[in-house]
Amino acid sequence: MQDRYLYLARHGEATPDENELTSAGRRQAELLGKRLHGVPLTAVHHGPLPRAAQTARLVGEQVGAVPLRESRAAGDYVPYVPERDELPSEFADAIVARFASVTTEERASGAELARQALRDFTGPVDEGDAPRHELVITHAFLIAWLVRAAMDAPAWRWTGLNHGNAALTVIRYAPDRPASVLVLNDMSHLPEDLRWTGFPRPLRTPC
């Protein structure tokens, strides 16, 4: 068994119709790629939507000859919809209202894709003789779900985690210890004017 280092990044800033990246989003993607240059990545996985695929291509241009692999499990979906009785009473109304429009079909599909993401992207690897480094370019919901899982937090807890455009999270999965969140929502590779996009304004910090 070998360690797995999972690098998670949200796509760059998208246009209002979400069909492509803005100029800021393209620059964010390029800078993310430069940040990861030199990391021995074996693959760049990305969701099928244009904003994730375009981010992956721009990152790929910076990191070198690393295969780009499209994955539905890295897409944009609701991974888990909490039930009211599992939520703390002070948060229950807001969280239930937030996901009230998610259909039964979307709930089932999202839950299955979330399980697939855990199978595909997490845990130590049982092959090879060196640690594996993989990048997943995805969306805020999946990053929150995988961080929650790494911390072994209650399933509903993903709903309180956010991620900025092109910010970086790194999780280590080792055979002999629990998963470790090494880096969370790190934007140090982005200049100040490109930080915090896609992040709820009340939760932004001035640094």
C-alpha atoms as a PDB file:
ATOM      1  CA  MET A   1       0.000   0.000   0.000  1.00  0.00           C
ATOM      2  CA  GLN A   2       1.197   3.505  -0.872  1.00  0.00           C
ATOM      3  CA  ASP A   3       0.193   7.001   0.157  1.00  0.00           C
ATOM      4  CA  ARG A   4      -2.154   8.961  -2.060  1.00  0.00           C
ATOM      5  CA  TYR A   5      -1.904  12.759  -2.215  1.00  0.00           C
ATOM      6  CA  LEU A   6      -5.148  14.170  -3.552  1.00  0.00           C
ATOM      7  CA  TYR A   7      -5.000  17.741  -4.855  1.00  0.00           C
ATOM      8  CA  LEU A   8      -8.436  19.336  -5.133  1.00  0.00           C
ATOM      9  CA  ALA A   9      -9.112  22.580  -6.977  1.00  0.00           C
ATOM     10  CA  ARG A  10     -12.282  24.366  -7.913  1.00  0.00           C
ATOM     11  CA  HIS A  11     -12.486  25.580 -11.514  1.00  0.00           C
ATOM     12  CA  GLY A  12     -11.549  29.163 -12.334  1.00  0.00           C
ATOM     13  CA  GLU A  13     -14.072  31.974 -12.286  1.00  0.00           C
ATOM     14  CA  ALA A  14     -16.803  31.395 -14.887  1.00  0.00           C
ATOM     15  CA  THR A  15     -18.924  33.746 -16.980  1.00  0.00           C
ATOM     16  CA  PRO A  16     -22.509  34.340 -15.788  1.00  0.00           C
ATOM     17  CA  ASP A  17     -23.828  31.633 -18.138  1.00  0.00           C
ATOM     18  CA  GLU A  18     -21.091  29.284 -16.835  1.00  0.00           C
ATOM     19  CA  ASN A  19     -20.179  28.221 -20.382  1.00  0.00           C
ATOM     20  CA  GLU A  20     -16.554  29.356 -20.169  1.00  0.00           C
ATOM     21  CA  LEU A  21     -14.000  30.983 -17.930  1.00  0.00           C
ATOM     22  CA  THR A  22     -13.663  34.715 -17.576  1.00  0.00           C
ATOM     23  CA  SER A  23     -10.294  36.316 -18.288  1.00  0.00           C
ATOM     24  CA  ALA A  24      -9.733  36.283 -14.523  1.00  0.00           C
ATOM     25  CA  GLY A  25     -10.675  32.598 -14.423  1.00  0.00           C
ATOM     26  CA  ARG A  26      -8.187  31.756 -17.158  1.00  0.00           C
ATOM     27  CA  ARG A  27      -5.452  33.569 -15.281  1.00  0.00           C
ATOM     28  CA  GLN A  28      -6.402  31.766 -12.073  1.00  0.00           C
ATOM     29  CA  ALA A  29      -6.102  28.429 -13.869  1.00  0.00           C
ATOM     30  CA  GLU A  30      -2.692  29.297 -15.295  1.00  0.00           C
ATOM     31  CA  LEU A  31      -1.405  30.333 -11.888  1.00  0.00           C
ATOM     32  CA  LEU A  32      -2.776  27.167 -10.309  1.00  0.00           C
ATOM     33  CA  GLY A  33      -0.878  25.173 -12.930  1.00  0.00           C
ATOM     34  CA  LYS A  34       2.321  27.052 -12.181  1.00  0.00           C
ATOM     35  CA  ARG A  35       1.782  26.364  -8.474  1.00  0.00           C
ATOM     36  CA  LEU A  36       1.569  22.630  -9.228  1.00  0.00           C
ATOM     37  CA  HIS A  37       4.476  22.536 -11.683  1.00  0.00           C
ATOM     38  CA  GLY A  38       6.991  20.069 -10.348  1.00  0.00           C
ATOM     39  CA  VAL A  39       4.443  17.993  -8.429  1.00  0.00           C
ATOM     40  CA  PRO A  40       4.716  14.405  -9.781  1.00  0.00           C
ATOM     41  CA  LEU A  41       1.083  14.235 -10.870  1.00  0.00           C
ATOM     42  CA  THR A  42      -0.030  11.003 -12.511  1.00  0.00           C
ATOM     43  CA  ALA A  43      -3.367  12.397 -13.749  1.00  0.00           C
ATOM     44  CA  VAL A  44      -5.573  15.480 -13.849  1.00  0.00           C
ATOM     45  CA  HIS A  45      -9.200  14.450 -13.417  1.00  0.00           C
ATOM     46  CA  HIS A  46     -11.917  16.968 -14.195  1.00  0.00           C
ATOM     47  CA  GLY A  47     -15.665  17.261 -14.372  1.00  0.00           C
ATOM     48  CA  PRO A  48     -17.463  17.329 -17.730  1.00  0.00           C
ATOM     49  CA  LEU A  49     -18.769  20.905 -17.577  1.00  0.00           C
ATOM     50  CA  PRO A  50     -16.932  23.507 -19.709  1.00  0.00           C
ATOM     51  CA  ARG A  51     -15.622  25.573 -16.791  1.00  0.00           C
ATOM     52  CA  ALA A  52     -13.923  22.523 -15.248  1.00  0.00           C
ATOM     53  CA  ALA A  53     -12.651  21.129 -18.549  1.00  0.00           C
ATOM     54  CA  GLN A  54     -11.199  24.480 -19.610  1.00  0.00           C
ATOM     55  CA  THR A  55      -9.508  24.908 -16.234  1.00  0.00           C
ATOM     56  CA  ALA A  56      -7.990  21.440 -16.579  1.00  0.00           C
ATOM     57  CA  ARG A  57      -6.597  22.222 -20.035  1.00  0.00           C
ATOM     58  CA  LEU A  58      -4.984  25.442 -18.813  1.00  0.00           C
ATOM     59  CA  VAL A  59      -3.522  23.724 -15.761  1.00  0.00           C
ATOM     60  CA  GLY A  60      -2.289  20.910 -17.993  1.00  0.00           C
ATOM     61  CA  GLU A  61      -0.364  23.362 -20.151  1.00  0.00           C
ATOM     62  CA  GLN A  62       1.618  24.377 -17.072  1.00  0.00           C
ATOM     63  CA  VAL A  63       2.237  21.012 -15.416  1.00  0.00           C
ATOM     64  CA  GLY A  64       3.483  19.178 -18.497  1.00  0.00           C
ATOM     65  CA  ALA A  65       2.720  15.783 -19.987  1.00  0.00           C
ATOM     66  CA  VAL A  66       0.045  14.637 -17.542  1.00  0.00           C
ATOM     67  CA  PRO A  67      -3.080  12.889 -18.897  1.00  0.00           C
ATOM     68  CA  LEU A  68      -6.394  14.760 -18.579  1.00  0.00           C
ATOM     69  CA  ARG A  69      -9.265  12.470 -17.648  1.00  0.00           C
ATOM     70  CA  GLU A  70     -12.901  13.521 -17.691  1.00  0.00           C
ATOM     71  CA  SER A  71     -14.993  12.050 -14.881  1.00  0.00           C
ATOM     72  CA  ARG A  72     -18.695  12.367 -14.078  1.00  0.00           C
ATOM     73  CA  ALA A  73     -17.789  11.764 -10.443  1.00  0.00           C
ATOM     74  CA  ALA A  74     -15.788  15.019 -10.546  1.00  0.00           C
ATOM     75  CA  GLY A  75     -18.816  16.943 -11.814  1.00  0.00           C
ATOM     76  CA  ASP A  76     -21.192  19.473 -10.289  1.00  0.00           C
ATOM     77  CA  TYR A  77     -23.892  17.815  -8.186  1.00  0.00           C
ATOM     78  CA  VAL A  78     -25.338  17.753  -4.678  1.00  0.00           C
ATOM     79  CA  PRO A  79     -23.543  14.858  -2.959  1.00  0.00           C
ATOM     80  CA  TYR A  80     -25.871  14.538   0.023  1.00  0.00           C
ATOM     81  CA  VAL A  81     -29.094  16.192   1.142  1.00  0.00           C
ATOM     82  CA  PRO A  82     -29.462  16.185   4.924  1.00  0.00           C
ATOM     83  CA  GLU A  83     -32.688  15.257   6.677  1.00  0.00           C
ATOM     84  CA  ARG A  84     -34.060  17.721   9.226  1.00  0.00           C
ATOM     85  CA  ASP A  85     -33.727  15.321  12.153  1.00  0.00           C
ATOM     86  CA  GLU A  86     -29.949  14.982  11.700  1.00  0.00           C
ATOM     87  CA  LEU A  87     -29.316  18.726  11.719  1.00  0.00           C
ATOM     88  CA  PRO A  88     -28.611  20.952  14.725  1.00  0.00           C
ATOM     89  CA  SER A  89     -31.811  22.844  15.442  1.00  0.00           C
ATOM     90  CA  GLU A  90     -30.204  26.270  14.952  1.00  0.00           C
ATOM     91  CA  PHE A  91     -29.232  25.407  11.362  1.00  0.00           C
ATOM     92  CA  ALA A  92     -32.070  23.113  10.329  1.00  0.00           C
ATOM     93  CA  ASP A  93     -34.453  25.610   8.721  1.00  0.00           C
ATOM     94  CA  ALA A  94     -31.778  27.284   6.600  1.00  0.00           C
ATOM     95  CA  ILE A  95     -30.214  24.036   5.379  1.00  0.00           C
ATOM     96  CA  VAL A  96     -33.528  22.360   4.590  1.00  0.00           C
ATOM     97  CA  ALA A  97     -34.646  25.441   2.644  1.00  0.00           C
ATOM     98  CA  ARG A  98     -31.347  25.560   0.756  1.00  0.00           C
ATOM     99  CA  PHE A  99     -31.873  22.107  -0.731  1.00  0.00           C
ATOM    100  CA  ALA A 100     -35.666  22.085  -1.012  1.00  0.00           C
ATOM    101  CA  SER A 101     -35.562  22.340  -4.810  1.00  0.00           C
ATOM    102  CA  VAL A 102     -33.308  19.291  -5.280  1.00  0.00           C
ATOM    103  CA  THR A 103     -35.434  16.607  -6.929  1.00  0.00           C
ATOM    104  CA  THR A 104     -35.631  12.971  -5.901  1.00  0.00           C
ATOM    105  CA  GLU A 105     -33.748  12.002  -9.069  1.00  0.00           C
ATOM    106  CA  GLU A 106     -31.009  14.569  -8.388  1.00  0.00           C
ATOM    107  CA  ARG A 107     -30.645  13.306  -4.836  1.00  0.00           C
ATOM    108  CA  ALA A 108     -30.211   9.714  -5.970  1.00  0.00           C
ATOM    109  CA  SER A 109     -27.839  10.601  -8.802  1.00  0.00           C
ATOM    110  CA  GLY A 110     -25.763  12.903  -6.605  1.00  0.00           C
ATOM    111  CA  ALA A 111     -25.456  10.308  -3.866  1.00  0.00           C
ATOM    112  CA  GLU A 112     -24.251   7.665  -6.334  1.00  0.00           C
ATOM    113  CA  LEU A 113     -21.714  10.022  -7.916  1.00  0.00           C
ATOM    114  CA  ALA A 114     -20.468  10.993  -4.450  1.00  0.00           C
ATOM    115  CA  ARG A 115     -19.908   7.333  -3.614  1.00  0.00           C
ATOM    116  CA  GLN A 116     -18.085   6.908  -6.914  1.00  0.00           C
ATOM    117  CA  ALA A 117     -15.850   9.894  -6.136  1.00  0.00           C
ATOM    118  CA  LEU A 118     -14.879   8.336  -2.810  1.00  0.00           C
ATOM    119  CA  ARG A 119     -14.032   5.072  -4.562  1.00  0.00           C
ATOM    120  CA  ASP A 120     -12.094   6.704  -7.396  1.00  0.00           C
ATOM    121  CA  PHE A 121     -10.198   9.478  -5.664  1.00  0.00           C
ATOM    122  CA  THR A 122      -9.662   8.653  -1.982  1.00  0.00           C
ATOM    123  CA  GLY A 123      -7.773   6.213   0.195  1.00  0.00           C
ATOM    124  CA  PRO A 124      -4.277   4.726  -0.045  1.00  0.00           C
ATOM    125  CA  VAL A 125      -3.362   3.013  -3.306  1.00  0.00           C
ATOM    126  CA  ASP A 126      -2.707  -0.704  -3.491  1.00  0.00           C
ATOM    127  CA  GLU A 127      -0.331  -0.654  -6.442  1.00  0.00           C
ATOM    128  CA  GLY A 128       3.022   0.862  -7.340  1.00  0.00           C
ATOM    129  CA  ASP A 129       6.115   1.448  -5.277  1.00  0.00           C
ATOM    130  CA  ALA A 130       5.794   5.218  -4.722  1.00  0.00           C
ATOM    131  CA  PRO A 131       3.151   7.630  -3.439  1.00  0.00           C
ATOM    132  CA  ARG A 132       0.531   8.682  -5.990  1.00  0.00           C
ATOM    133  CA  HIS A 133      -0.238  12.345  -6.658  1.00  0.00           C
ATOM    134  CA  GLU A 134      -3.527  13.144  -8.418  1.00  0.00           C
ATOM    135  CA  LEU A 135      -5.320  16.408  -9.159  1.00  0.00           C
ATOM    136  CA  VAL A 136      -9.106  16.700  -9.365  1.00  0.00           C
ATOM    137  CA  ILE A 137     -10.491  19.909 -10.866  1.00  0.00           C
ATOM    138  CA  THR A 138     -14.076  20.046  -9.803  1.00  0.00           C
ATOM    139  CA  HIS A 139     -16.715  22.161  -8.059  1.00  0.00           C
ATOM    140  CA  ALA A 140     -17.226  23.499  -4.555  1.00  0.00           C
ATOM    141  CA  PHE A 141     -19.742  20.854  -3.450  1.00  0.00           C
ATOM    142  CA  LEU A 142     -17.514  17.867  -4.162  1.00  0.00           C
ATOM    143  CA  ILE A 143     -14.501  19.442  -2.490  1.00  0.00           C
ATOM    144  CA  ALA A 144     -16.612  20.066   0.604  1.00  0.00           C
ATOM    145  CA  TRP A 145     -17.848  16.479   0.530  1.00  0.00           C
ATOM    146  CA  LEU A 146     -14.346  14.995   0.271  1.00  0.00           C
ATOM    147  CA  VAL A 147     -12.962  17.236   3.018  1.00  0.00           C
ATOM    148  CA  ARG A 148     -15.872  16.235   5.257  1.00  0.00           C
ATOM    149  CA  ALA A 149     -15.174  12.573   4.548  1.00  0.00           C
ATOM    150  CA  ALA A 150     -11.454  12.986   5.278  1.00  0.00           C
ATOM    151  CA  MET A 151     -12.315  14.502   8.666  1.00  0.00           C
ATOM    152  CA  ASP A 152     -14.879  11.746   9.349  1.00  0.00           C
ATOM    153  CA  ALA A 153     -17.439  14.456  10.095  1.00  0.00           C
ATOM    154  CA  PRO A 154     -21.214  13.896   9.990  1.00  0.00           C
ATOM    155  CA  ALA A 155     -22.602  13.678   6.462  1.00  0.00           C
ATOM    156  CA  TRP A 156     -24.508  16.970   6.708  1.00  0.00           C
ATOM    157  CA  ARG A 157     -21.364  18.891   7.649  1.00  0.00           C
ATOM    158  CA  TRP A 158     -20.260  19.391   4.029  1.00  0.00           C
ATOM    159  CA  THR A 159     -22.925  22.092   3.741  1.00  0.00           C
ATOM    160  CA  GLY A 160     -20.835  24.533   5.787  1.00  0.00           C
ATOM    161  CA  LEU A 161     -17.655  24.327   3.707  1.00  0.00           C
ATOM    162  CA  ASN A 162     -16.848  26.670   0.820  1.00  0.00           C
ATOM    163  CA  HIS A 163     -14.055  26.856  -1.734  1.00  0.00           C
ATOM    164  CA  GLY A 164     -12.747  29.732  -3.835  1.00  0.00           C
ATOM    165  CA  ASN A 165     -12.102  29.571  -7.567  1.00  0.00           C
ATOM    166  CA  ALA A 166      -8.714  27.944  -8.292  1.00  0.00           C
ATOM    167  CA  ALA A 167      -8.010  27.569  -4.578  1.00  0.00           C
ATOM    168  CA  LEU A 168      -6.098  24.442  -3.588  1.00  0.00           C
ATOM    169  CA  THR A 169      -6.852  21.738  -1.035  1.00  0.00           C
ATOM    170  CA  VAL A 170      -4.558  18.750  -0.439  1.00  0.00           C
ATOM    171  CA  ILE A 171      -5.502  15.559   1.406  1.00  0.00           C
ATOM    172  CA  ARG A 172      -3.097  12.741   2.245  1.00  0.00           C
ATOM    173  CA  TYR A 173      -4.343   9.162   2.558  1.00  0.00           C
ATOM    174  CA  ALA A 174      -1.826   6.852   4.203  1.00  0.00           C
ATOM    175  CA  PRO A 175      -2.108   3.125   4.994  1.00  0.00           C
ATOM    176  CA  ASP A 176      -1.196   3.567   8.653  1.00  0.00           C
ATOM    177  CA  ARG A 177      -3.114   6.663   9.779  1.00  0.00           C
ATOM    178  CA  PRO A 178      -6.357   8.566   9.262  1.00  0.00           C
ATOM    179  CA  ALA A 179      -6.679  10.897   6.292  1.00  0.00           C
ATOM    180  CA  SER A 180      -4.951  14.248   6.812  1.00  0.00           C
ATOM    181  CA  VAL A 181      -6.102  17.569   5.351  1.00  0.00           C
ATOM    182  CA  LEU A 182      -2.727  19.188   4.658  1.00  0.00           C
ATOM    183  CA  VAL A 183      -3.893  22.317   2.823  1.00  0.00           C
ATOM    184  CA  LEU A 184      -7.371  23.860   2.719  1.00  0.00           C
ATOM    185  CA  ASN A 185      -8.685  26.545   0.351  1.00  0.00           C
ATOM    186  CA  ASP A 186      -5.178  27.917  -0.187  1.00  0.00           C
ATOM    187  CA  MET A 187      -4.969  30.906  -2.538  1.00  0.00           C
ATOM    188  CA  SER A 188      -1.351  31.910  -1.975  1.00  0.00           C
ATOM    189  CA  HIS A 189      -0.575  31.351  -5.673  1.00  0.00           C
ATOM    190  CA  LEU A 190      -3.126  34.011  -6.658  1.00  0.00           C
ATOM    191  CA  PRO A 191      -2.590  37.780  -6.493  1.00  0.00           C
ATOM    192  CA  GLU A 192      -4.958  39.674  -4.234  1.00  0.00           C
ATOM    193  CA  ASP A 193      -7.312  40.725  -7.030  1.00  0.00           C
ATOM    194  CA  LEU A 194      -7.874  37.093  -8.079  1.00  0.00           C
ATOM    195  CA  ARG A 195      -8.564  35.714  -4.624  1.00  0.00           C
ATOM    196  CA  TRP A 196     -11.943  34.867  -3.060  1.00  0.00           C
ATOM    197  CA  THR A 197     -13.940  34.808  -6.299  1.00  0.00           C
ATOM    198  CA  GLY A 198     -16.791  32.327  -6.029  1.00  0.00           C
ATOM    199  CA  PHE A 199     -16.693  32.575  -2.235  1.00  0.00           C
ATOM    200  CA  PRO A 200     -19.581  33.985  -0.153  1.00  0.00           C
ATOM    201  CA  ARG A 201     -18.687  37.577   0.603  1.00  0.00           C
ATOM    202  CA  PRO A 202     -19.490  37.428   4.348  1.00  0.00           C
ATOM    203  CA  LEU A 203     -16.987  34.578   4.720  1.00  0.00           C
ATOM    204  CA  ARG A 204     -14.076  36.259   2.946  1.00  0.00           C
ATOM    205  CA  THR A 205     -11.114  37.425   4.970  1.00  0.00           C
ATOM    206  CA  PRO A 206      -8.929  40.445   4.155  1.00  0.00           C
ATOM    207  CA  CYS A 207      -5.750  38.355   3.793  1.00  0.00           C
END
